[in-house]
Amino acid sequence: MAGSSSAELRTPVFNRENYEFWSIRMKTILKSHGLWDLVENGFDASDPKKGKGKEEGSMAAEEEKSTSVEILMKDARALGLIQSAVSYQIFPRIVNEETSKGAWDILKQEFRGDKQVRSVKLQGLRREFEYTRMKDSESFSVYVAKLFDLINQMKSYGEELSRERVVQKLLISLPRSYDSICSVIEHSKDLDTLEIQEVVAFPKNFELRLDRHTENSTEKAFTSLNIESKSSKNGSSFGSNKSQKNWKGNGKNWSNKSNSNPKPNASNEGTKTLCKHCEKLHYGKCWFEGKPKCRGCGKFGHMVRDCHGNQSVQKVNYANHVEEAGTLFFACNVMTDVKLNNS
């Protein structure tokens, strides 16, 4: 029991912000202790009744005294809860109050505001509620928390929204990506009897499915990147070892150029013979054997009369246009005054 009572005394600390939420939580805590009636209405510590007999008056006085002491103790406990629920900057405002009702009324008057101030705040909350929309980059859970925060603030200022109004707001304020699930809700459910929790549950499950598909696509993308990186590494090693391997494909033999056309070594040079036609070293029969040799250019296959080297080539005469730099002549005449005797 001691642990539960100590847990109940954990009151929220008020620091000038969200007085309405703080007052709601404090009201709940005070009600759990049976102290809210004292805080709201106060108590009357009047003297014992007079005009009764001596014996009867003394008995009534003792009962009244015990009741009065009990009420004072309860009020002191309520005052202690209120004092522990404000910050050090606000505590001086209620430091001189001896009753819980007095401390509560001071905080209520200062931070809740009068009727006109509350009306202006409520009008701003109404405008924000009407224009709020869920963004494409925003999570549904974050948007729902923000929307219900506005609804609770409006409720604390006296604006009670109906269930149908909240359901309609949820359905029309979702982005285009949620059009399919909203259409399913509108055509399969009765909006007049649909609970708010059900409307919240459908888009939340839909968001979980979208997130799961997004995670799968992301994993596939990373997997493909890993495969491509590995294949690129293997391709580079293939390119480095390409000259050392022979590959076969489509019935064709692909081999290294150096292996298909081996260079003749010194031993092969000795088996070549000097050809009497082309006067060069080669193997077997000469390709130019039996063909005439031109005495003009020294090539095989034609005579001197058919040689293109002896034919006169007609040249085209043309003139080159050369732009010459012009010459600038500059003359300057300076006239000075000279005295006659100084010629």
C-alpha atoms as a PDB file:
ATOM      1  CA  MET A   1       0.000   0.000   0.000  1.00  0.00           C
ATOM      2  CA  ALA A   2       2.846   2.339   0.762  1.00  0.00           C
ATOM      3  CA  GLY A   3       4.293   1.813  -2.664  1.00  0.00           C
ATOM      4  CA  SER A   4       0.960   2.516  -4.357  1.00  0.00           C
ATOM      5  CA  SER A   5       0.372   5.676  -2.306  1.00  0.00           C
ATOM      6  CA  SER A   6       3.842   6.971  -3.135  1.00  0.00           C
ATOM      7  CA  ALA A   7       3.197   6.277  -6.811  1.00  0.00           C
ATOM      8  CA  GLU A   8      -0.029   8.282  -6.650  1.00  0.00           C
ATOM      9  CA  LEU A   9       1.862  11.323  -5.317  1.00  0.00           C
ATOM     10  CA  ARG A  10       3.885  11.638  -8.529  1.00  0.00           C
ATOM     11  CA  THR A  11       2.171  14.751  -9.748  1.00  0.00           C
ATOM     12  CA  PRO A  12       3.005  16.532 -13.019  1.00  0.00           C
ATOM     13  CA  VAL A  13       5.056  19.712 -12.668  1.00  0.00           C
ATOM     14  CA  PHE A  14       3.458  22.815 -14.137  1.00  0.00           C
ATOM     15  CA  ASN A  15       5.873  25.296 -15.780  1.00  0.00           C
ATOM     16  CA  ARG A  16       3.565  27.849 -17.463  1.00  0.00           C
ATOM     17  CA  GLU A  17       2.778  25.573 -20.456  1.00  0.00           C
ATOM     18  CA  ASN A  18      -0.387  23.531 -21.118  1.00  0.00           C
ATOM     19  CA  TYR A  19      -2.285  24.579 -18.048  1.00  0.00           C
ATOM     20  CA  GLU A  20      -5.413  22.809 -19.288  1.00  0.00           C
ATOM     21  CA  PHE A  21      -3.688  19.423 -19.478  1.00  0.00           C
ATOM     22  CA  TRP A  22      -2.004  19.951 -16.127  1.00  0.00           C
ATOM     23  CA  SER A  23      -5.291  20.887 -14.464  1.00  0.00           C
ATOM     24  CA  ILE A  24      -7.015  17.788 -15.859  1.00  0.00           C
ATOM     25  CA  ARG A  25      -4.304  15.492 -14.521  1.00  0.00           C
ATOM     26  CA  MET A  26      -4.257  17.235 -11.161  1.00  0.00           C
ATOM     27  CA  LYS A  27      -8.027  16.966 -10.876  1.00  0.00           C
ATOM     28  CA  THR A  28      -7.782  13.208 -11.432  1.00  0.00           C
ATOM     29  CA  ILE A  29      -5.065  12.841  -8.782  1.00  0.00           C
ATOM     30  CA  LEU A  30      -7.006  14.911  -6.238  1.00  0.00           C
ATOM     31  CA  LYS A  31     -10.149  12.860  -6.882  1.00  0.00           C
ATOM     32  CA  SER A  32      -8.221   9.635  -6.319  1.00  0.00           C
ATOM     33  CA  HIS A  33      -7.297  10.945  -2.850  1.00  0.00           C
ATOM     34  CA  GLY A  34     -10.827  12.169  -2.122  1.00  0.00           C
ATOM     35  CA  LEU A  35      -9.651  15.797  -1.945  1.00  0.00           C
ATOM     36  CA  TRP A  36     -11.170  17.423  -5.020  1.00  0.00           C
ATOM     37  CA  ASP A  37     -14.322  18.581  -3.201  1.00  0.00           C
ATOM     38  CA  LEU A  38     -12.194  20.610  -0.786  1.00  0.00           C
ATOM     39  CA  VAL A  39     -10.157  22.139  -3.612  1.00  0.00           C
ATOM     40  CA  GLU A  40     -13.233  23.063  -5.652  1.00  0.00           C
ATOM     41  CA  ASN A  41     -15.616  24.240  -2.897  1.00  0.00           C
ATOM     42  CA  GLY A  42     -13.416  24.886   0.134  1.00  0.00           C
ATOM     43  CA  PHE A  43     -14.600  24.339   3.713  1.00  0.00           C
ATOM     44  CA  ASP A  44     -16.235  26.363   6.512  1.00  0.00           C
ATOM     45  CA  ALA A  45     -14.297  26.325   9.808  1.00  0.00           C
ATOM     46  CA  SER A  46     -17.009  27.858  11.985  1.00  0.00           C
ATOM     47  CA  ASP A  47     -17.024  27.720  15.779  1.00  0.00           C
ATOM     48  CA  PRO A  48     -19.088  25.094  17.658  1.00  0.00           C
ATOM     49  CA  LYS A  49     -22.769  25.859  18.020  1.00  0.00           C
ATOM     50  CA  LYS A  50     -23.832  27.907  21.035  1.00  0.00           C
ATOM     51  CA  GLY A  51     -27.085  27.887  22.991  1.00  0.00           C
ATOM     52  CA  LYS A  52     -26.944  24.225  23.919  1.00  0.00           C
ATOM     53  CA  GLY A  53     -26.566  22.741  27.353  1.00  0.00           C
ATOM     54  CA  LYS A  54     -23.249  22.477  29.038  1.00  0.00           C
ATOM     55  CA  GLU A  55     -22.905  18.751  28.569  1.00  0.00           C
ATOM     56  CA  GLU A  56     -24.462  18.733  25.148  1.00  0.00           C
ATOM     57  CA  GLY A  57     -22.336  21.708  24.089  1.00  0.00           C
ATOM     58  CA  SER A  58     -19.104  20.107  25.151  1.00  0.00           C
ATOM     59  CA  MET A  59     -19.887  16.889  23.269  1.00  0.00           C
ATOM     60  CA  ALA A  60     -20.865  18.809  20.132  1.00  0.00           C
ATOM     61  CA  ALA A  61     -17.740  20.912  20.448  1.00  0.00           C
ATOM     62  CA  GLU A  62     -15.499  17.869  20.602  1.00  0.00           C
ATOM     63  CA  GLU A  63     -17.171  16.295  17.582  1.00  0.00           C
ATOM     64  CA  GLU A  64     -16.938  19.538  15.685  1.00  0.00           C
ATOM     65  CA  LYS A  65     -13.334  19.911  16.679  1.00  0.00           C
ATOM     66  CA  SER A  66     -12.419  16.417  15.514  1.00  0.00           C
ATOM     67  CA  THR A  67     -14.238  16.985  12.243  1.00  0.00           C
ATOM     68  CA  SER A  68     -12.538  20.315  11.803  1.00  0.00           C
ATOM     69  CA  VAL A  69      -9.101  18.798  12.433  1.00  0.00           C
ATOM     70  CA  GLU A  70      -9.794  16.052   9.920  1.00  0.00           C
ATOM     71  CA  ILE A  71     -10.872  18.598   7.309  1.00  0.00           C
ATOM     72  CA  LEU A  72      -7.798  20.727   7.955  1.00  0.00           C
ATOM     73  CA  MET A  73      -5.546  17.705   7.515  1.00  0.00           C
ATOM     74  CA  LYS A  74      -7.209  16.774   4.251  1.00  0.00           C
ATOM     75  CA  ASP A  75      -6.980  20.354   2.974  1.00  0.00           C
ATOM     76  CA  ALA A  76      -3.305  20.524   3.949  1.00  0.00           C
ATOM     77  CA  ARG A  77      -2.670  17.318   2.018  1.00  0.00           C
ATOM     78  CA  ALA A  78      -4.422  18.774  -1.033  1.00  0.00           C
ATOM     79  CA  LEU A  79      -2.413  21.984  -0.696  1.00  0.00           C
ATOM     80  CA  GLY A  80       0.787  19.958  -0.506  1.00  0.00           C
ATOM     81  CA  LEU A  81      -0.074  18.132  -3.729  1.00  0.00           C
ATOM     82  CA  ILE A  82      -0.687  21.444  -5.500  1.00  0.00           C
ATOM     83  CA  GLN A  83       2.543  22.959  -4.182  1.00  0.00           C
ATOM     84  CA  SER A  84       4.570  19.927  -5.288  1.00  0.00           C
ATOM     85  CA  ALA A  85       3.015  20.121  -8.759  1.00  0.00           C
ATOM     86  CA  VAL A  86       4.353  23.587  -9.668  1.00  0.00           C
ATOM     87  CA  SER A  87       7.857  24.667 -10.628  1.00  0.00           C
ATOM     88  CA  TYR A  88      10.124  26.829  -8.475  1.00  0.00           C
ATOM     89  CA  GLN A  89       9.343  29.880 -10.624  1.00  0.00           C
ATOM     90  CA  ILE A  90       5.561  29.571 -10.036  1.00  0.00           C
ATOM     91  CA  PHE A  91       5.645  28.501  -6.387  1.00  0.00           C
ATOM     92  CA  PRO A  92       6.045  32.112  -5.062  1.00  0.00           C
ATOM     93  CA  ARG A  93       2.583  32.903  -6.522  1.00  0.00           C
ATOM     94  CA  ILE A  94       0.885  30.543  -4.042  1.00  0.00           C
ATOM     95  CA  VAL A  95       3.392  30.587  -1.176  1.00  0.00           C
ATOM     96  CA  ASN A  96       1.134  32.720   1.071  1.00  0.00           C
ATOM     97  CA  GLU A  97      -2.042  30.683   0.500  1.00  0.00           C
ATOM     98  CA  GLU A  98      -3.108  28.490   3.416  1.00  0.00           C
ATOM     99  CA  THR A  99      -5.956  26.619   1.718  1.00  0.00           C
ATOM    100  CA  SER A 100      -5.960  24.401  -1.349  1.00  0.00           C
ATOM    101  CA  LYS A 101      -8.886  26.297  -2.871  1.00  0.00           C
ATOM    102  CA  GLY A 102      -7.031  29.607  -2.634  1.00  0.00           C
ATOM    103  CA  ALA A 103      -3.915  28.215  -4.334  1.00  0.00           C
ATOM    104  CA  TRP A 104      -5.976  26.524  -7.049  1.00  0.00           C
ATOM    105  CA  ASP A 105      -8.022  29.653  -7.784  1.00  0.00           C
ATOM    106  CA  ILE A 106      -4.869  31.799  -8.143  1.00  0.00           C
ATOM    107  CA  LEU A 107      -3.356  29.424 -10.699  1.00  0.00           C
ATOM    108  CA  LYS A 108      -6.655  29.108 -12.531  1.00  0.00           C
ATOM    109  CA  GLN A 109      -7.173  32.857 -12.733  1.00  0.00           C
ATOM    110  CA  GLU A 110      -3.639  33.623 -13.910  1.00  0.00           C
ATOM    111  CA  PHE A 111      -2.959  30.863 -16.432  1.00  0.00           C
ATOM    112  CA  ARG A 112      -6.369  29.827 -17.673  1.00  0.00           C
ATOM    113  CA  GLY A 113      -7.433  33.347 -18.555  1.00  0.00           C
ATOM    114  CA  ASP A 114     -10.808  35.000 -18.674  1.00  0.00           C
ATOM    115  CA  LYS A 115     -13.671  34.208 -21.025  1.00  0.00           C
ATOM    116  CA  GLN A 116     -12.444  36.457 -23.823  1.00  0.00           C
ATOM    117  CA  VAL A 117      -8.929  35.029 -23.809  1.00  0.00           C
ATOM    118  CA  ARG A 118     -10.280  31.491 -23.811  1.00  0.00           C
ATOM    119  CA  SER A 119     -12.549  32.318 -26.727  1.00  0.00           C
ATOM    120  CA  VAL A 120      -9.626  33.623 -28.788  1.00  0.00           C
ATOM    121  CA  LYS A 121      -7.551  30.510 -28.026  1.00  0.00           C
ATOM    122  CA  LEU A 122     -10.449  28.235 -28.914  1.00  0.00           C
ATOM    123  CA  GLN A 123     -10.935  30.017 -32.226  1.00  0.00           C
ATOM    124  CA  GLY A 124      -7.285  29.435 -33.101  1.00  0.00           C
ATOM    125  CA  LEU A 125      -7.583  25.754 -32.224  1.00  0.00           C
ATOM    126  CA  ARG A 126     -10.669  25.430 -34.412  1.00  0.00           C
ATOM    127  CA  ARG A 127      -8.828  26.971 -37.353  1.00  0.00           C
ATOM    128  CA  GLU A 128      -5.842  24.675 -36.846  1.00  0.00           C
ATOM    129  CA  PHE A 129      -8.122  21.637 -36.629  1.00  0.00           C
ATOM    130  CA  GLU A 130      -9.876  22.515 -39.898  1.00  0.00           C
ATOM    131  CA  TYR A 131      -6.700  23.107 -41.905  1.00  0.00           C
ATOM    132  CA  THR A 132      -4.496  20.352 -40.541  1.00  0.00           C
ATOM    133  CA  ARG A 133      -3.619  17.619 -43.058  1.00  0.00           C
ATOM    134  CA  MET A 134      -1.338  14.622 -42.997  1.00  0.00           C
ATOM    135  CA  LYS A 135       1.804  15.198 -45.093  1.00  0.00           C
ATOM    136  CA  ASP A 136       3.185  12.590 -47.490  1.00  0.00           C
ATOM    137  CA  SER A 137       6.440  12.390 -45.551  1.00  0.00           C
ATOM    138  CA  GLU A 138       4.662  12.164 -42.186  1.00  0.00           C
ATOM    139  CA  SER A 139       3.949   8.980 -40.255  1.00  0.00           C
ATOM    140  CA  PHE A 140       0.318   8.120 -39.577  1.00  0.00           C
ATOM    141  CA  SER A 141       0.992   7.560 -35.871  1.00  0.00           C
ATOM    142  CA  VAL A 142       2.611  10.990 -35.555  1.00  0.00           C
ATOM    143  CA  TYR A 143      -0.282  12.644 -37.377  1.00  0.00           C
ATOM    144  CA  VAL A 144      -2.915  10.926 -35.223  1.00  0.00           C
ATOM    145  CA  ALA A 145      -1.110  12.000 -32.048  1.00  0.00           C
ATOM    146  CA  LYS A 146      -1.011  15.611 -33.288  1.00  0.00           C
ATOM    147  CA  LEU A 147      -4.682  15.548 -34.282  1.00  0.00           C
ATOM    148  CA  PHE A 148      -5.872  14.152 -30.958  1.00  0.00           C
ATOM    149  CA  ASP A 149      -3.730  16.692 -29.152  1.00  0.00           C
ATOM    150  CA  LEU A 150      -5.735  19.425 -30.887  1.00  0.00           C
ATOM    151  CA  ILE A 151      -8.993  17.669 -30.030  1.00  0.00           C
ATOM    152  CA  ASN A 152      -8.042  17.443 -26.352  1.00  0.00           C
ATOM    153  CA  GLN A 153      -7.051  21.099 -26.228  1.00  0.00           C
ATOM    154  CA  MET A 154     -10.382  22.088 -27.741  1.00  0.00           C
ATOM    155  CA  LYS A 155     -12.144  19.907 -25.202  1.00  0.00           C
ATOM    156  CA  SER A 156     -10.278  21.589 -22.344  1.00  0.00           C
ATOM    157  CA  TYR A 157     -11.517  24.983 -23.608  1.00  0.00           C
ATOM    158  CA  GLY A 158     -15.117  23.748 -23.715  1.00  0.00           C
ATOM    159  CA  GLU A 159     -15.378  22.542 -27.341  1.00  0.00           C
ATOM    160  CA  GLU A 160     -16.657  18.954 -27.461  1.00  0.00           C
ATOM    161  CA  LEU A 161     -16.327  17.359 -30.932  1.00  0.00           C
ATOM    162  CA  SER A 162     -18.721  14.581 -31.865  1.00  0.00           C
ATOM    163  CA  ARG A 163     -17.586  11.124 -32.885  1.00  0.00           C
ATOM    164  CA  GLU A 164     -18.901  11.556 -36.456  1.00  0.00           C
ATOM    165  CA  ARG A 165     -16.953  14.819 -36.848  1.00  0.00           C
ATOM    166  CA  VAL A 166     -13.680  13.192 -35.770  1.00  0.00           C
ATOM    167  CA  VAL A 167     -14.243  10.186 -38.077  1.00  0.00           C
ATOM    168  CA  GLN A 168     -14.888  12.461 -41.058  1.00  0.00           C
ATOM    169  CA  LYS A 169     -11.799  14.521 -40.258  1.00  0.00           C
ATOM    170  CA  LEU A 170      -9.608  11.408 -40.162  1.00  0.00           C
ATOM    171  CA  LEU A 171     -10.851  10.149 -43.523  1.00  0.00           C
ATOM    172  CA  ILE A 172     -10.617  13.434 -45.451  1.00  0.00           C
ATOM    173  CA  SER A 173      -7.261  14.553 -44.055  1.00  0.00           C
ATOM    174  CA  LEU A 174      -5.194  11.552 -45.179  1.00  0.00           C
ATOM    175  CA  PRO A 175      -2.929  11.876 -48.265  1.00  0.00           C
ATOM    176  CA  ARG A 176      -3.532  10.299 -51.662  1.00  0.00           C
ATOM    177  CA  SER A 177      -1.579   7.143 -50.828  1.00  0.00           C
ATOM    178  CA  TYR A 178      -4.349   6.224 -48.353  1.00  0.00           C
ATOM    179  CA  ASP A 179      -7.224   6.673 -50.830  1.00  0.00           C
ATOM    180  CA  SER A 180      -7.656   2.921 -51.300  1.00  0.00           C
ATOM    181  CA  ILE A 181      -8.060   2.132 -47.598  1.00  0.00           C
ATOM    182  CA  CYS A 182     -10.332   5.168 -47.086  1.00  0.00           C
ATOM    183  CA  SER A 183     -12.531   3.988 -49.947  1.00  0.00           C
ATOM    184  CA  VAL A 184     -12.773   0.530 -48.368  1.00  0.00           C
ATOM    185  CA  ILE A 185     -13.829   2.043 -45.034  1.00  0.00           C
ATOM    186  CA  GLU A 186     -16.439   4.309 -46.612  1.00  0.00           C
ATOM    187  CA  HIS A 187     -18.032   1.514 -48.657  1.00  0.00           C
ATOM    188  CA  SER A 188     -17.845  -1.324 -46.133  1.00  0.00           C
ATOM    189  CA  LYS A 189     -18.572   0.467 -42.843  1.00  0.00           C
ATOM    190  CA  ASP A 190     -21.389   2.574 -41.505  1.00  0.00           C
ATOM    191  CA  LEU A 191     -19.848   5.943 -40.694  1.00  0.00           C
ATOM    192  CA  ASP A 192     -22.713   6.818 -38.348  1.00  0.00           C
ATOM    193  CA  THR A 193     -21.850   3.948 -36.003  1.00  0.00           C
ATOM    194  CA  LEU A 194     -18.138   3.543 -36.741  1.00  0.00           C
ATOM    195  CA  GLU A 195     -15.909   4.054 -33.715  1.00  0.00           C
ATOM    196  CA  ILE A 196     -12.837   6.292 -33.817  1.00  0.00           C
ATOM    197  CA  GLN A 197     -10.550   3.438 -32.757  1.00  0.00           C
ATOM    198  CA  GLU A 198     -11.618   1.390 -35.775  1.00  0.00           C
ATOM    199  CA  VAL A 199     -10.870   4.253 -38.159  1.00  0.00           C
ATOM    200  CA  VAL A 200      -7.424   4.632 -36.605  1.00  0.00           C
ATOM    201  CA  ALA A 201      -6.730   0.876 -36.752  1.00  0.00           C
ATOM    202  CA  PHE A 202      -7.323   0.468 -40.509  1.00  0.00           C
ATOM    203  CA  PRO A 203      -4.814   3.107 -41.752  1.00  0.00           C
ATOM    204  CA  LYS A 204      -2.292   2.007 -39.116  1.00  0.00           C
ATOM    205  CA  ASN A 205      -2.336  -1.575 -40.422  1.00  0.00           C
ATOM    206  CA  PHE A 206      -2.138  -0.233 -43.962  1.00  0.00           C
ATOM    207  CA  GLU A 207       0.930   1.800 -43.006  1.00  0.00           C
ATOM    208  CA  LEU A 208       2.577  -1.295 -41.541  1.00  0.00           C
ATOM    209  CA  ARG A 209       2.074  -3.120 -44.844  1.00  0.00           C
ATOM    210  CA  LEU A 210       3.585  -0.229 -46.767  1.00  0.00           C
ATOM    211  CA  ASP A 211       6.578  -0.156 -44.439  1.00  0.00           C
ATOM    212  CA  ARG A 212       7.073  -3.891 -44.834  1.00  0.00           C
ATOM    213  CA  HIS A 213       7.065  -3.623 -48.630  1.00  0.00           C
ATOM    214  CA  THR A 214       9.471  -0.708 -48.435  1.00  0.00           C
ATOM    215  CA  GLU A 215      11.857  -2.709 -46.271  1.00  0.00           C
ATOM    216  CA  ASN A 216      11.717  -5.656 -48.697  1.00  0.00           C
ATOM    217  CA  SER A 217      12.448  -3.428 -51.677  1.00  0.00           C
ATOM    218  CA  THR A 218      15.323  -1.814 -49.804  1.00  0.00           C
ATOM    219  CA  GLU A 219      16.795  -5.203 -48.959  1.00  0.00           C
ATOM    220  CA  LYS A 220      16.496  -6.287 -52.595  1.00  0.00           C
ATOM    221  CA  ALA A 221      18.224  -3.108 -53.712  1.00  0.00           C
ATOM    222  CA  PHE A 222      21.139  -3.691 -51.340  1.00  0.00           C
ATOM    223  CA  THR A 223      21.331  -7.332 -52.444  1.00  0.00           C
ATOM    224  CA  SER A 224      21.531  -6.352 -56.103  1.00  0.00           C
ATOM    225  CA  LEU A 225      24.215  -3.819 -55.262  1.00  0.00           C
ATOM    226  CA  ASN A 226      26.254  -6.512 -53.535  1.00  0.00           C
ATOM    227  CA  ILE A 227      25.868  -8.861 -56.511  1.00  0.00           C
ATOM    228  CA  GLU A 228      26.884  -6.151 -58.950  1.00  0.00           C
ATOM    229  CA  SER A 229      29.924  -5.259 -56.882  1.00  0.00           C
ATOM    230  CA  LYS A 230      30.972  -8.903 -56.738  1.00  0.00           C
ATOM    231  CA  SER A 231      30.430  -9.373 -60.474  1.00  0.00           C
ATOM    232  CA  SER A 232      32.450  -6.243 -61.193  1.00  0.00           C
ATOM    233  CA  LYS A 233      35.294  -7.622 -59.104  1.00  0.00           C
ATOM    234  CA  ASN A 234      35.109 -10.952 -60.937  1.00  0.00           C
ATOM    235  CA  GLY A 235      35.006  -9.131 -64.251  1.00  0.00           C
ATOM    236  CA  SER A 236      38.147  -7.216 -63.402  1.00  0.00           C
ATOM    237  CA  SER A 237      39.947 -10.422 -62.465  1.00  0.00           C
ATOM    238  CA  PHE A 238      38.686 -11.956 -65.706  1.00  0.00           C
ATOM    239  CA  GLY A 239      40.113  -9.052 -67.664  1.00  0.00           C
ATOM    240  CA  SER A 240      43.485  -9.403 -65.964  1.00  0.00           C
ATOM    241  CA  ASN A 241      43.699 -13.151 -66.661  1.00  0.00           C
ATOM    242  CA  LYS A 242      42.198 -13.035 -70.141  1.00  0.00           C
ATOM    243  CA  SER A 243      45.565 -13.439 -71.836  1.00  0.00           C
ATOM    244  CA  GLN A 244      46.294 -16.597 -69.856  1.00  0.00           C
ATOM    245  CA  LYS A 245      43.023 -18.555 -70.556  1.00  0.00           C
ATOM    246  CA  ASN A 246      41.404 -20.017 -73.638  1.00  0.00           C
ATOM    247  CA  TRP A 247      37.614 -19.699 -73.885  1.00  0.00           C
ATOM    248  CA  LYS A 248      35.274 -21.737 -76.081  1.00  0.00           C
ATOM    249  CA  GLY A 249      31.795 -20.657 -77.111  1.00  0.00           C
ATOM    250  CA  ASN A 250      29.327 -21.097 -79.956  1.00  0.00           C
ATOM    251  CA  GLY A 251      31.553 -23.642 -81.673  1.00  0.00           C
ATOM    252  CA  LYS A 252      34.471 -21.194 -81.975  1.00  0.00           C
ATOM    253  CA  ASN A 253      37.837 -21.419 -80.319  1.00  0.00           C
ATOM    254  CA  TRP A 254      38.988 -18.191 -78.754  1.00  0.00           C
ATOM    255  CA  SER A 255      42.610 -18.262 -77.849  1.00  0.00           C
ATOM    256  CA  ASN A 256      45.381 -15.844 -77.163  1.00  0.00           C
ATOM    257  CA  LYS A 257      46.706 -14.094 -80.190  1.00  0.00           C
ATOM    258  CA  SER A 258      50.215 -14.813 -79.098  1.00  0.00           C
ATOM    259  CA  ASN A 259      49.454 -18.552 -78.946  1.00  0.00           C
ATOM    260  CA  SER A 260      47.664 -18.724 -82.337  1.00  0.00           C
ATOM    261  CA  ASN A 261      50.469 -16.952 -84.225  1.00  0.00           C
ATOM    262  CA  PRO A 262      53.727 -17.999 -82.648  1.00  0.00           C
ATOM    263  CA  LYS A 263      56.740 -16.016 -83.658  1.00  0.00           C
ATOM    264  CA  PRO A 264      59.461 -17.948 -85.460  1.00  0.00           C
ATOM    265  CA  ASN A 265      62.507 -18.644 -83.387  1.00  0.00           C
ATOM    266  CA  ALA A 266      66.111 -18.930 -84.390  1.00  0.00           C
ATOM    267  CA  SER A 267      65.784 -22.591 -85.354  1.00  0.00           C
ATOM    268  CA  ASN A 268      63.042 -21.808 -87.844  1.00  0.00           C
ATOM    269  CA  GLU A 269      65.149 -19.050 -89.410  1.00  0.00           C
ATOM    270  CA  GLY A 270      67.678 -21.648 -90.615  1.00  0.00           C
ATOM    271  CA  THR A 271      65.138 -23.585 -92.684  1.00  0.00           C
ATOM    272  CA  LYS A 272      64.171 -20.550 -94.826  1.00  0.00           C
ATOM    273  CA  THR A 273      65.688 -20.286 -98.311  1.00  0.00           C
ATOM    274  CA  LEU A 274      66.492 -17.234-100.415  1.00  0.00           C
ATOM    275  CA  CYS A 275      63.976 -16.902-103.261  1.00  0.00           C
ATOM    276  CA  LYS A 276      65.395 -16.153-106.706  1.00  0.00           C
ATOM    277  CA  HIS A 277      62.266 -14.259-107.758  1.00  0.00           C
ATOM    278  CA  CYS A 278      61.630 -11.868-104.821  1.00  0.00           C
ATOM    279  CA  GLU A 279      65.090 -12.211-103.270  1.00  0.00           C
ATOM    280  CA  LYS A 280      63.601 -12.706 -99.781  1.00  0.00           C
ATOM    281  CA  LEU A 281      63.672 -15.488 -97.221  1.00  0.00           C
ATOM    282  CA  HIS A 282      60.425 -17.471 -96.952  1.00  0.00           C
ATOM    283  CA  TYR A 283      59.063 -21.022 -96.892  1.00  0.00           C
ATOM    284  CA  GLY A 284      57.841 -23.042 -99.855  1.00  0.00           C
ATOM    285  CA  LYS A 285      56.906 -21.743-103.301  1.00  0.00           C
ATOM    286  CA  CYS A 286      57.191 -17.999-104.023  1.00  0.00           C
ATOM    287  CA  TRP A 287      53.941 -16.131-104.460  1.00  0.00           C
ATOM    288  CA  PHE A 288      55.422 -13.961-107.266  1.00  0.00           C
ATOM    289  CA  GLU A 289      56.838 -16.867-109.322  1.00  0.00           C
ATOM    290  CA  GLY A 290      55.899 -16.443-113.023  1.00  0.00           C
ATOM    291  CA  LYS A 291      54.797 -12.828-112.579  1.00  0.00           C
ATOM    292  CA  PRO A 292      56.625  -9.954-114.330  1.00  0.00           C
ATOM    293  CA  LYS A 293      58.628  -7.485-112.345  1.00  0.00           C
ATOM    294  CA  CYS A 294      58.509  -3.766-113.071  1.00  0.00           C
ATOM    295  CA  ARG A 295      61.906  -2.193-113.619  1.00  0.00           C
ATOM    296  CA  GLY A 296      60.617   1.196-112.699  1.00  0.00           C
ATOM    297  CA  CYS A 297      59.147   0.686-109.214  1.00  0.00           C
ATOM    298  CA  GLY A 298      60.514  -2.810-108.522  1.00  0.00           C
ATOM    299  CA  LYS A 299      57.104  -4.364-107.803  1.00  0.00           C
ATOM    300  CA  PHE A 300      55.676  -7.563-109.270  1.00  0.00           C
ATOM    301  CA  GLY A 301      52.553  -7.858-111.400  1.00  0.00           C
ATOM    302  CA  HIS A 302      53.045  -5.231-114.115  1.00  0.00           C
ATOM    303  CA  MET A 303      55.538  -3.914-116.695  1.00  0.00           C
ATOM    304  CA  VAL A 304      57.194  -0.536-116.971  1.00  0.00           C
ATOM    305  CA  ARG A 305      54.683   0.727-119.528  1.00  0.00           C
ATOM    306  CA  ASP A 306      51.816  -0.001-117.146  1.00  0.00           C
ATOM    307  CA  CYS A 307      53.540   1.421-114.071  1.00  0.00           C
ATOM    308  CA  HIS A 308      51.770   4.304-112.432  1.00  0.00           C
ATOM    309  CA  GLY A 309      55.067   5.735-111.298  1.00  0.00           C
ATOM    310  CA  ASN A 310      56.047   6.652-114.891  1.00  0.00           C
ATOM    311  CA  GLN A 311      52.711   8.305-115.722  1.00  0.00           C
ATOM    312  CA  SER A 312      52.742  12.074-115.524  1.00  0.00           C
ATOM    313  CA  VAL A 313      50.464  13.429-112.872  1.00  0.00           C
ATOM    314  CA  GLN A 314      48.557  16.563-113.839  1.00  0.00           C
ATOM    315  CA  LYS A 315      48.833  19.092-111.118  1.00  0.00           C
ATOM    316  CA  VAL A 316      46.415  21.867-110.461  1.00  0.00           C
ATOM    317  CA  ASN A 317      47.804  25.345-110.309  1.00  0.00           C
ATOM    318  CA  TYR A 318      46.359  27.454-107.538  1.00  0.00           C
ATOM    319  CA  ALA A 319      47.256  30.717-105.945  1.00  0.00           C
ATOM    320  CA  ASN A 320      47.699  31.281-102.246  1.00  0.00           C
ATOM    321  CA  HIS A 321      46.145  34.382-100.850  1.00  0.00           C
ATOM    322  CA  VAL A 322      48.435  35.766 -98.205  1.00  0.00           C
ATOM    323  CA  GLU A 323      47.412  38.699 -96.132  1.00  0.00           C
ATOM    324  CA  GLU A 324      50.325  40.999 -95.493  1.00  0.00           C
ATOM    325  CA  ALA A 325      50.501  43.282 -92.536  1.00  0.00           C
ATOM    326  CA  GLY A 326      50.121  46.915 -93.461  1.00  0.00           C
ATOM    327  CA  THR A 327      52.728  49.542 -92.764  1.00  0.00           C
ATOM    328  CA  LEU A 328      51.793  52.605 -90.803  1.00  0.00           C
ATOM    329  CA  PHE A 329      53.638  55.838 -91.436  1.00  0.00           C
ATOM    330  CA  PHE A 330      53.606  58.362 -88.626  1.00  0.00           C
ATOM    331  CA  ALA A 331      55.018  61.910 -88.853  1.00  0.00           C
ATOM    332  CA  CYS A 332      55.166  64.448 -86.075  1.00  0.00           C
ATOM    333  CA  ASN A 333      55.985  68.162 -86.372  1.00  0.00           C
ATOM    334  CA  VAL A 334      56.853  70.046 -83.241  1.00  0.00           C
ATOM    335  CA  MET A 335      56.915  73.806 -83.297  1.00  0.00           C
ATOM    336  CA  THR A 336      58.658  75.810 -80.629  1.00  0.00           C
ATOM    337  CA  ASP A 337      59.207  79.492 -80.051  1.00  0.00           C
ATOM    338  CA  VAL A 338      62.856  80.460 -80.499  1.00  0.00           C
ATOM    339  CA  LYS A 339      64.286  83.880 -79.920  1.00  0.00           C
ATOM    340  CA  LEU A 340      65.868  85.650 -82.849  1.00  0.00           C
ATOM    341  CA  ASN A 341      69.309  85.839 -81.381  1.00  0.00           C
ATOM    342  CA  ASN A 342      69.352  82.101 -80.627  1.00  0.00           C
ATOM    343  CA  SER A 343      69.165  80.564 -84.059  1.00  0.00           C
END
